[in-house]
Protein backbone atom coordinates (compact mmCIF):
# COMPACT_ATOMS: atom_id res chain seq x y z
CA UNK A 1 100.30 139.65 127.91
CA UNK A 2 99.44 137.81 124.78
CA UNK A 3 96.98 139.26 122.14
CA UNK A 4 93.76 137.66 121.71
CA UNK A 5 91.58 137.43 118.64
CA UNK A 6 88.11 136.13 118.46
CA UNK A 7 86.77 134.73 115.20
CA UNK A 8 84.08 132.31 113.88
CA UNK A 9 86.47 130.01 111.98
CA UNK A 10 90.32 129.35 112.05
CA UNK A 11 92.12 127.74 109.28
CA UNK A 12 95.77 126.58 109.86
CA UNK A 13 97.57 126.30 106.61
CA UNK A 14 97.59 127.65 103.04
CA UNK A 15 97.65 124.71 100.70
CA UNK A 16 94.67 123.71 98.53
CA UNK A 17 92.70 122.28 101.48
CA UNK A 18 93.20 125.37 103.73
CA UNK A 19 92.58 127.89 101.02
CA UNK A 20 89.54 126.19 99.75
CA UNK A 21 88.12 125.74 103.26
CA UNK A 22 88.67 129.33 104.10
CA UNK A 23 87.08 130.57 100.80
CA UNK A 24 83.94 128.42 101.09
CA UNK A 25 83.55 128.97 105.06
CA UNK A 26 83.72 132.60 104.51
CA UNK A 27 80.18 132.48 103.14
CA UNK A 28 79.02 131.60 106.88
CA UNK A 29 81.27 133.81 108.93
CA UNK A 30 84.65 135.47 109.49
CA UNK A 31 87.66 133.48 108.87
CA UNK A 32 91.33 133.84 109.90
CA UNK A 33 94.11 131.88 108.05
CA UNK A 34 97.48 131.15 109.65
CA UNK A 35 100.37 130.27 107.38
CA UNK A 36 103.91 129.59 108.50
CA UNK A 37 105.50 131.84 105.70
CA UNK A 38 103.48 133.33 102.89
CA UNK A 39 100.18 132.19 101.31
CA UNK A 40 102.06 130.56 98.46
CA UNK A 41 104.37 128.53 100.58
CA UNK A 42 102.73 125.02 100.60
CA UNK A 43 103.11 121.74 98.84
CA UNK A 44 100.29 122.52 96.61
CA UNK A 45 102.26 125.13 94.81
CA UNK A 46 104.82 122.44 94.02
CA UNK A 47 102.38 119.94 92.63
CA UNK A 48 103.18 119.25 88.96
CA UNK A 49 101.21 116.08 88.15
CA UNK A 50 97.57 117.43 88.18
CA UNK A 51 94.23 116.37 89.70
CA UNK A 52 92.62 113.03 89.02
CA UNK A 53 88.84 113.06 88.33
CA UNK A 54 86.66 110.98 86.18
CA UNK A 55 85.81 113.61 83.54
CA UNK A 56 86.57 111.95 80.22
CA UNK A 57 84.64 109.67 77.78
CA UNK A 58 84.79 106.13 78.89
CA UNK A 59 85.74 106.99 82.41
CA UNK A 60 83.59 106.97 85.60
CA UNK A 61 83.64 107.57 89.29
CA UNK A 62 83.30 103.78 89.63
CA UNK A 63 86.56 103.06 87.59
CA UNK A 64 88.36 105.71 89.53
CA UNK A 65 87.16 104.27 92.83
CA UNK A 66 88.51 100.76 91.75
CA UNK A 67 91.97 102.25 90.86
CA UNK A 68 92.17 104.00 94.17
CA UNK A 69 91.13 100.98 96.26
CA UNK A 70 93.52 98.85 94.33
CA UNK A 71 96.40 101.32 95.06
CA UNK A 72 95.53 101.49 98.63
CA UNK A 73 96.53 97.93 99.32
CA UNK A 74 93.41 96.85 101.21
CA UNK A 75 93.61 99.79 103.71
CA UNK A 76 91.38 102.40 102.09
CA UNK A 77 88.06 103.41 103.65
CA UNK A 78 85.50 102.54 100.97
CA UNK A 79 82.84 105.11 102.04
CA UNK A 80 85.76 107.86 101.77
CA UNK A 81 86.92 106.66 98.33
CA UNK A 82 83.26 106.68 97.19
CA UNK A 83 82.97 110.37 98.35
CA UNK A 84 86.33 111.34 96.73
CA UNK A 85 85.50 109.85 93.26
CA UNK A 86 81.91 110.70 93.00
CA UNK A 87 82.27 114.41 94.19
CA UNK A 88 85.57 115.00 92.47
CA UNK A 89 84.42 115.93 88.98
CA UNK A 90 82.29 118.65 90.45
CA UNK A 91 84.92 120.07 92.56
CA UNK A 92 87.37 120.23 89.45
CA UNK A 93 84.56 122.02 87.40
CA UNK A 94 84.01 124.40 90.26
CA UNK A 95 87.80 125.31 90.30
CA UNK A 96 87.47 126.14 86.61
CA UNK A 97 84.63 128.43 87.26
CA UNK A 98 86.69 130.01 90.08
CA UNK A 99 89.52 130.89 87.61
CA UNK A 100 91.76 128.03 87.31
CA UNK A 101 93.10 127.87 83.72
CA UNK A 102 93.15 124.11 82.97
CA UNK A 103 94.86 122.82 79.81
CA UNK A 104 92.34 122.16 77.03
CA UNK A 105 92.47 120.82 73.51
CA UNK A 106 91.55 122.91 70.41
CA UNK A 107 87.88 122.14 70.99
CA UNK A 108 87.97 123.65 74.55
CA UNK A 109 87.75 120.26 76.23
CA UNK A 110 89.84 119.38 79.14
CA UNK A 111 93.14 117.73 78.22
CA UNK A 112 93.37 114.46 80.23
CA UNK A 113 96.78 112.74 81.00
CA UNK A 114 97.46 109.39 82.60
CA UNK A 115 99.71 108.48 85.50
CA UNK A 116 100.81 105.42 87.43
CA UNK A 117 98.01 102.85 88.33
CA UNK A 118 95.29 104.80 86.62
CA UNK A 119 93.32 102.67 84.11
CA UNK A 120 92.09 105.80 82.19
CA UNK A 121 93.31 109.28 81.19
CA UNK A 122 91.79 111.27 83.92
CA UNK A 123 94.51 113.82 85.03
CA UNK A 124 93.67 117.46 84.54
CA UNK A 125 96.68 119.84 84.41
CA UNK A 126 97.30 123.51 84.13
CA UNK A 127 100.21 125.06 82.20
CA UNK A 128 101.52 121.65 81.54
CA UNK A 129 103.26 120.72 84.73
CA UNK A 130 102.35 123.67 86.92
CA UNK A 131 99.01 122.56 88.01
CA UNK A 132 99.44 123.12 91.73
CA UNK A 133 100.87 126.68 91.18
CA UNK A 134 97.76 127.69 89.08
CA UNK A 135 95.33 126.08 91.64
CA UNK A 136 97.19 128.12 94.49
CA UNK A 137 97.24 131.25 92.41
CA UNK A 138 93.37 131.11 91.79
CA UNK A 139 92.53 130.24 95.39
CA UNK A 140 94.82 133.02 96.80
CA UNK A 141 93.10 135.50 94.54
CA UNK A 142 89.79 134.38 95.98
CA UNK A 143 90.85 134.50 99.43
CA UNK A 144 92.55 137.84 98.96
CA UNK A 145 89.33 139.32 97.49
CA UNK A 146 87.00 138.09 100.31
CA UNK A 147 86.64 140.77 102.88
CA UNK A 148 85.90 138.75 105.96
CA UNK A 149 88.87 136.49 105.57
CA UNK A 150 92.04 137.70 107.45
CA UNK A 151 95.54 136.16 106.70
CA UNK A 152 98.31 136.10 109.30
CA UNK A 153 101.45 135.17 107.58
CA UNK A 154 104.74 134.18 109.40
CA UNK A 155 102.48 132.49 112.02
CA UNK A 156 103.65 129.41 113.66
CA UNK A 157 101.01 127.59 115.67
CA UNK A 158 102.65 126.40 118.98
CA UNK A 159 99.72 124.44 120.47
CA UNK A 160 95.89 123.93 120.26
CA UNK A 161 93.83 125.50 123.06
CA UNK A 162 91.72 122.74 124.57
CA UNK A 163 89.10 123.81 127.03
CA UNK A 164 86.17 121.57 128.56
CA UNK A 165 87.23 118.78 126.30
CA UNK A 166 86.93 120.86 122.98
CA UNK A 167 89.20 122.80 120.75
CA UNK A 168 88.85 126.48 121.19
CA UNK A 169 91.64 127.70 118.98
CA UNK A 170 95.44 127.96 118.98
CA UNK A 171 98.47 129.64 120.68
CA UNK A 172 100.56 131.02 117.88
CA UNK A 173 103.75 132.99 117.23
CA UNK A 174 102.66 135.70 114.72
CA UNK A 175 105.98 137.41 113.66
CA UNK A 176 107.31 136.66 117.13
CA UNK A 177 104.30 138.08 118.87
CA UNK A 178 102.29 135.75 121.28
CA UNK A 179 98.76 135.52 119.90
CA UNK A 180 95.72 133.62 120.88
CA UNK A 181 93.04 132.91 118.36
CA UNK A 182 89.76 131.77 119.62
CA UNK A 183 87.55 130.14 117.11
CA UNK A 184 84.18 128.24 117.20
CA UNK A 185 85.63 125.71 114.74
CA UNK A 186 89.34 125.21 114.09
CA UNK A 187 90.45 123.53 110.84
CA UNK A 188 93.91 121.82 110.61
CA UNK A 189 95.27 121.87 107.16
CA UNK A 190 98.92 122.21 107.87
CA UNK A 191 100.30 119.89 105.31
CA UNK A 192 102.85 117.02 105.51
CA UNK A 193 106.20 116.04 106.97
CA UNK A 194 108.62 115.38 104.13
CA UNK A 195 111.18 117.63 105.83
CA UNK A 196 111.75 114.73 108.42
CA UNK A 197 113.66 112.91 105.70
CA UNK A 198 117.01 113.69 104.06
CA UNK A 199 115.70 113.65 100.60
CA UNK A 200 112.36 115.31 99.90
CA UNK A 201 110.32 117.16 97.50
CA UNK A 202 108.34 118.84 100.23
CA UNK A 203 108.79 122.65 101.02
CA UNK A 204 110.81 123.77 104.02
CA UNK A 205 107.56 124.34 106.00
CA UNK A 206 106.53 120.69 105.91
CA UNK A 207 107.96 119.81 109.23
CA UNK A 208 105.05 117.65 110.57
CA UNK A 209 103.74 120.46 112.96
CA UNK A 210 99.98 119.55 112.28
CA UNK A 211 100.59 115.96 113.49
CA UNK A 212 102.55 116.96 116.51
CA UNK A 213 100.19 119.63 117.79
CA UNK A 214 96.99 117.34 117.23
CA UNK A 215 98.83 114.53 119.02
CA UNK A 216 99.69 116.70 121.91
CA UNK A 217 96.16 117.87 122.18
CA UNK A 218 94.69 114.30 122.25
CA UNK A 219 93.23 114.06 118.79
CA UNK A 220 93.46 110.53 117.23
CA UNK A 221 96.17 109.79 114.72
CA UNK A 222 96.30 106.69 112.36
CA UNK A 223 98.56 105.09 109.50
CA UNK A 224 101.66 107.16 110.42
CA UNK A 225 103.96 104.33 108.97
CA UNK A 226 102.61 105.02 105.46
CA UNK A 227 104.95 107.62 103.88
CA UNK A 228 104.96 107.79 100.04
CA UNK A 229 108.25 108.22 98.50
CA UNK A 230 108.13 109.62 95.03
CA UNK A 231 110.43 107.52 92.68
CA UNK A 232 111.76 110.50 90.70
CA UNK A 233 113.16 113.66 92.32
CA UNK A 234 115.89 115.46 90.51
CA UNK A 235 119.11 114.09 91.97
CA UNK A 236 120.98 117.30 92.95
CA UNK A 237 122.43 118.60 96.28
CA UNK A 238 119.23 120.66 97.17
CA UNK A 239 116.68 120.90 99.81
CA UNK A 240 113.86 120.32 98.83
CA UNK A 241 114.53 118.35 95.58
CA UNK A 242 112.87 119.27 92.41
CA UNK A 243 110.16 116.89 91.34
CA UNK A 244 110.27 115.03 87.96
CA UNK A 245 106.61 114.43 87.68
CA UNK A 246 105.60 110.90 86.74
CA UNK A 247 103.59 112.40 84.05
CA UNK A 248 106.76 112.29 82.18
CA UNK A 249 106.92 108.58 82.39
CA UNK A 250 103.03 108.68 81.56
CA UNK A 251 104.28 110.31 78.17
CA UNK A 252 106.41 107.18 77.51
CA UNK A 253 109.81 108.17 79.18
CA UNK A 254 111.72 105.33 80.56
CA UNK A 255 113.80 104.52 83.59
CA UNK A 256 117.33 103.40 83.02
CA UNK A 257 120.47 102.77 85.17
CA UNK A 258 123.90 104.11 84.30
CA UNK A 259 124.44 101.01 82.26
CA UNK A 260 121.54 101.91 80.15
CA UNK A 261 119.39 99.12 81.32
CA UNK A 262 115.65 99.57 81.58
CA UNK A 263 114.99 97.71 84.71
CA UNK A 264 111.38 98.34 85.56
CA UNK A 265 110.17 95.86 82.87
CA UNK A 266 111.65 93.15 84.91
CA UNK A 267 109.97 94.41 88.25
CA UNK A 268 106.32 94.86 87.34
CA UNK A 269 103.91 94.35 84.33
CA UNK A 270 103.11 98.19 84.22
CA UNK A 271 106.93 98.88 83.94
CA UNK A 272 107.46 102.53 84.68
CA UNK A 273 103.84 103.17 85.53
CA UNK A 274 103.78 100.56 88.28
CA UNK A 275 102.55 101.94 91.81
CA UNK A 276 104.89 104.43 93.23
CA UNK A 277 106.16 102.36 96.15
CA UNK A 278 107.26 99.60 93.70
CA UNK A 279 109.02 102.01 91.45
CA UNK A 280 110.82 103.77 94.24
CA UNK A 281 112.07 100.68 95.85
CA UNK A 282 113.29 99.45 92.47
CA UNK A 283 115.34 102.66 91.90
CA UNK A 284 116.41 102.42 95.72
CA UNK A 285 117.93 98.82 95.05
CA UNK A 286 119.64 100.23 91.92
CA UNK A 287 121.22 102.79 94.16
CA UNK A 288 122.20 100.36 96.79
CA UNK A 289 124.01 98.32 94.23
CA UNK A 290 125.99 101.32 93.24
CA UNK A 291 124.16 102.29 90.13
CA UNK A 292 122.63 105.74 89.30
CA UNK A 293 119.11 106.03 87.80
CA UNK A 294 117.85 108.32 85.00
CA UNK A 295 114.59 109.21 83.52
CA UNK A 296 115.17 109.04 79.73
CA UNK A 297 112.82 111.51 77.90
CA UNK A 298 114.96 112.04 74.92
CA UNK A 299 112.04 110.50 72.82
CA UNK A 300 109.96 113.49 73.81
CA UNK A 301 112.22 116.18 72.44
CA UNK A 302 109.58 117.60 70.12
CA UNK A 303 106.94 117.92 72.71
CA UNK A 304 108.69 118.25 76.06
CA UNK A 305 108.92 122.12 76.05
CA UNK A 306 105.18 122.32 75.56
CA UNK A 307 104.09 119.45 77.80
CA UNK A 308 106.58 120.08 80.73
CA UNK A 309 107.65 123.81 80.56
CA UNK A 310 108.24 123.92 84.34
CA UNK A 311 110.45 120.72 84.47
CA UNK A 312 112.37 121.91 81.35
CA UNK A 313 113.17 125.11 83.15
CA UNK A 314 114.13 123.39 86.34
CA UNK A 315 116.38 121.12 84.44
CA UNK A 316 118.00 123.83 82.25
CA UNK A 317 118.75 125.92 85.21
CA UNK A 318 120.83 123.00 86.52
CA UNK A 319 122.67 122.34 83.30
CA UNK A 320 120.71 119.32 82.23
CA UNK A 321 118.58 119.49 78.82
CA UNK A 322 116.06 116.48 79.14
CA UNK A 323 115.67 116.71 75.26
CA UNK A 324 119.27 115.68 74.81
CA UNK A 325 120.56 113.89 77.93
CA UNK A 326 119.01 111.71 80.54
CA UNK A 327 117.79 113.23 83.89
CA UNK A 328 119.45 111.95 87.06
CA UNK A 329 116.65 110.96 89.64
CA UNK A 330 116.51 109.58 93.20
CA UNK A 331 113.55 108.73 95.40
CA UNK A 332 112.44 111.33 97.99
CA UNK A 333 109.84 111.70 100.68
CA UNK A 334 106.70 113.14 99.02
CA UNK A 335 103.47 112.33 100.82
CA UNK A 336 102.10 111.17 104.00
CA UNK A 337 98.98 108.83 103.87
CA UNK A 338 98.19 108.82 107.46
CA UNK A 339 97.52 111.68 110.02
CA UNK A 340 94.60 113.13 112.11
CA UNK A 341 91.75 110.71 111.90
CA UNK A 342 88.44 112.25 110.47
CA UNK A 343 84.98 111.38 109.57
CA UNK A 344 83.47 112.14 106.10
CA UNK A 345 82.83 115.73 107.21
CA UNK A 346 86.42 116.32 108.30
CA UNK A 347 85.56 116.01 111.99
CA UNK A 348 88.38 114.78 114.23
CA UNK A 349 88.13 112.98 117.51
CA UNK A 350 88.62 116.29 119.34
CA UNK A 351 85.39 118.24 119.50
CA UNK A 352 85.36 121.30 117.23
CA UNK A 353 88.71 120.39 115.60
CA UNK A 354 88.60 119.61 111.97
CA UNK A 355 91.42 118.36 109.47
CA UNK A 356 91.61 118.22 105.77
CA UNK A 357 94.54 117.84 103.24
CA UNK A 358 97.66 116.03 103.73
CA UNK A 359 97.53 116.42 107.58
CA UNK A 360 94.21 114.40 107.78
CA UNK A 361 93.72 110.69 107.55
CA UNK A 362 90.36 110.42 105.83
CA UNK A 363 90.96 106.81 104.60
CA UNK A 364 91.07 107.61 100.78
CA UNK A 365 94.70 106.65 100.41
CA UNK A 366 95.00 103.51 102.46
CA UNK A 367 98.66 102.31 102.39
CA UNK A 368 99.58 103.94 99.15
CA UNK A 369 98.16 107.22 97.58
CA UNK A 370 97.18 106.76 93.93
CA UNK A 371 98.88 109.54 91.88
CA UNK A 372 97.15 112.93 91.61
CA UNK A 373 94.41 112.12 94.23
CA UNK A 374 95.98 114.37 96.72
CA UNK A 375 94.78 117.68 95.31
CA UNK A 376 91.53 116.12 94.75
CA UNK A 377 91.16 114.89 98.27
CA UNK A 378 92.12 118.46 99.53
CA UNK A 379 89.31 119.87 97.30
CA UNK A 380 86.62 117.44 98.10
CA UNK A 381 87.07 117.22 101.75
CA UNK A 382 87.81 120.93 102.29
CA UNK A 383 84.33 121.39 100.80
CA UNK A 384 82.78 119.08 103.17
CA UNK A 385 84.44 120.75 106.07
CA UNK A 386 83.34 124.24 104.97
CA UNK A 387 79.70 123.00 104.89
CA UNK A 388 79.99 121.42 108.18
CA UNK A 389 81.63 124.28 110.09
CA UNK A 390 78.71 126.40 109.19
CA UNK A 391 76.54 124.29 111.43
CA UNK A 392 78.89 124.55 114.43
CA UNK A 393 77.34 126.76 117.23
CA UNK A 394 79.21 129.43 118.90
CA UNK A 395 81.46 128.35 121.88
CA UNK A 396 79.53 128.28 125.01
CA UNK A 397 82.29 129.26 127.32
CA UNK A 398 85.68 130.91 126.39
CA UNK A 399 88.85 129.82 128.06
CA UNK A 400 90.37 132.20 130.50
CA UNK A 401 93.07 134.30 129.10
CA UNK A 402 96.46 133.41 130.27
CA UNK A 403 99.77 134.99 130.41
CA UNK A 404 102.42 133.43 128.22
CA UNK A 405 105.41 134.22 125.90
CA UNK A 406 106.70 132.75 122.75
CA UNK A 407 109.50 130.39 123.67
CA UNK A 408 112.90 132.11 122.55
CA UNK A 409 115.38 129.96 120.52
CA UNK A 410 118.68 130.68 122.20
CA UNK A 411 120.97 128.46 120.06
CA UNK A 412 119.80 128.30 116.50
CA UNK A 413 122.87 126.42 115.42
CA UNK A 414 122.08 123.51 117.81
CA UNK A 415 118.50 123.44 116.52
CA UNK A 416 119.72 123.15 112.98
CA UNK A 417 122.03 120.39 113.94
CA UNK A 418 119.13 118.61 115.47
CA UNK A 419 116.96 119.04 112.43
CA UNK A 420 119.71 117.62 110.18
CA UNK A 421 120.23 114.61 112.42
CA UNK A 422 116.47 113.86 112.38
CA UNK A 423 116.50 113.84 108.59
CA UNK A 424 119.44 111.51 108.33
CA UNK A 425 118.02 109.14 110.89
CA UNK A 426 114.66 108.93 109.41
CA UNK A 427 116.04 108.47 105.85
CA UNK A 428 118.49 105.72 107.03
CA UNK A 429 116.25 103.82 109.22
CA UNK A 430 112.53 104.65 108.79
CA UNK A 431 112.69 105.36 105.02
CA UNK A 432 112.15 103.14 101.93
CA UNK A 433 113.62 99.97 103.48
CA UNK A 434 112.88 99.48 107.14
CA UNK A 435 113.90 96.77 109.64
CA UNK A 436 113.04 96.18 113.53
CA UNK A 437 116.78 96.80 114.27
CA UNK A 438 116.94 100.00 112.27
CA UNK A 439 113.70 101.56 113.62
CA UNK A 440 114.78 100.66 117.21
CA UNK A 441 118.01 102.40 116.61
CA UNK A 442 116.18 105.35 115.10
CA UNK A 443 113.88 105.61 118.20
CA UNK A 444 116.81 105.45 120.56
CA UNK A 445 118.69 108.19 118.81
CA UNK A 446 115.50 110.24 118.61
CA UNK A 447 115.28 110.10 122.27
CA UNK A 448 118.80 111.36 122.62
CA UNK A 449 118.23 114.31 120.31
CA UNK A 450 115.05 115.14 122.45
CA UNK A 451 117.10 115.24 125.46
CA UNK A 452 119.71 117.66 123.94
CA UNK A 453 117.15 119.70 122.06
CA UNK A 454 117.80 123.48 122.86
CA UNK A 455 115.08 125.48 124.68
CA UNK A 456 112.75 127.32 122.29
CA UNK A 457 113.34 124.84 119.36
CA UNK A 458 109.53 124.43 118.83
CA UNK A 459 109.68 123.54 115.23
CA UNK A 460 112.38 120.78 115.94
CA UNK A 461 110.38 119.48 118.85
CA UNK A 462 107.39 118.98 116.45
CA UNK A 463 109.72 117.17 114.03
CA UNK A 464 110.89 114.87 116.82
CA UNK A 465 107.38 114.09 117.90
CA UNK A 466 106.12 113.30 114.35
CA UNK A 467 109.32 111.28 113.60
CA UNK A 468 108.68 109.17 116.63
CA UNK A 469 105.01 108.47 115.60
CA UNK A 470 106.29 107.31 112.17
CA UNK A 471 108.97 105.06 113.64
CA UNK A 472 106.82 103.58 116.32
CA UNK A 473 103.99 102.70 113.87
CA UNK A 474 106.59 101.32 111.28
CA UNK A 475 108.05 99.04 114.10
CA UNK A 476 104.54 97.78 115.09
CA UNK A 477 103.41 96.84 111.50
CA UNK A 478 105.22 93.65 111.14
CA UNK A 479 104.54 93.34 107.32
CA UNK A 480 105.09 95.14 104.04
CA UNK A 481 102.14 96.94 102.52
CA UNK A 482 101.95 99.94 100.19
CA UNK A 483 104.40 102.66 101.12
CA UNK A 484 105.60 100.80 104.23
CA UNK A 485 108.25 98.21 103.44
CA UNK A 486 109.99 96.02 105.98
CA UNK A 487 112.92 94.05 104.74
CA UNK A 488 112.44 91.66 107.57
CA UNK A 489 108.75 91.15 106.85
CA UNK A 490 108.90 91.70 102.97
CA UNK A 491 105.28 90.41 102.23
CA UNK A 492 101.74 91.61 103.27
CA UNK A 493 100.12 89.42 106.03
CA UNK A 494 96.37 88.69 105.91
CA UNK A 495 96.11 89.47 109.55
CA UNK A 496 97.27 93.06 108.87
CA UNK A 497 94.75 93.46 106.07
CA UNK A 498 92.33 96.21 107.09
CA UNK A 499 94.12 96.91 110.40
CA UNK A 500 95.17 100.36 111.45
CA UNK A 501 97.81 101.59 113.95
CA UNK A 502 96.32 104.36 115.91
CA UNK A 503 97.81 106.80 118.57
């Protein structure tokens, strides 16, 4: 028989959204946190760029709102953007109070950087380019010090438990044991799906599980075609790829090809600080023409070590000194704009199921996330989720306990082959440059893989399900908008303006 745990709140995921939700919700009851590996294994810990918030002189939530709406390519939810930008400054200040050591100037004021498509310097950083790691450290410390938060590591959620039309918790494999966690409110903060693509900056745990388990349970999803590809990942034979933050370009570094040509000035008026989708496609086209692309940061040689210590260490460990040579880069899958549809309190379409962070679709990102809005979204909407779950009543009836076992993976090699095949298919046919023919090919081959998937390959099954959602949505949207680019429909169309594809 499986083990059963009863708790007030359940949080799935240990990134900024999950940790903040758990910490704040613990004021109202017992919380269990489930994470696939350790508390530190999340995309948050990889975040270099920082957190965007209107905190500086000459800036305002209204200016931040306008920049966010502009980047979102007419697909943002204006009410959600208003929430994000108006509540963001308070959330950042609370993080500082909670122990996050943000970078400051000699007067103790926050040092604010600028990134692509922002009209003001409004990006706060910690330890230069290690903002996410510092935020994760502080929140993990808070969670670890809170007596009524219980953390289950190496815990893979297999499915949501739905009883009488409401989510009652999850079935999970916890270190291989079958465990049911029954909760009055379940919060999905399971992160993204970058590992569905051959090149990605996302950690190995980002296999799209949250989207798949929510979809199987009947929760509504939207905007799955909008995957953001970061323009500048370090071009090395690794998985995941190391990120070369666009904050480097924000400090006047340039993009050049192997002939030394600075090509972005011919592509967009903002040059290297154009929206990410435009920069990623420009680099991709250079690569398709047989040219390599580099970030040239040699002009920052005197300040690079202080401003970007993490990136410097990453590059030096791979034999690249960015103060002396150019950094080879490639686009890579980075962030999912779509996900589980929520209202402004983080409630999904399935009663008692909440979602926040990258797995959610709050509407703030639209078709293209504005740089450094992701950590902010996690904080702002996690706070709203934590406040709302406090009002949830106890479950009126508990589902009957059932006998079940964790599926055993009998052929790990075949599962790995399937995972690698998914990554290649999605990169080649559902990546930066899409066509109807390629997407249909992708879907057909995903079906073939599903038919041959070995028993017990639960993570790979989630990858396949999420991959299908992305490819199907990309095939249906017959235009180009934001992070979604169709070579056979290369321009945005008015009839698609404000329209969402839902599952």
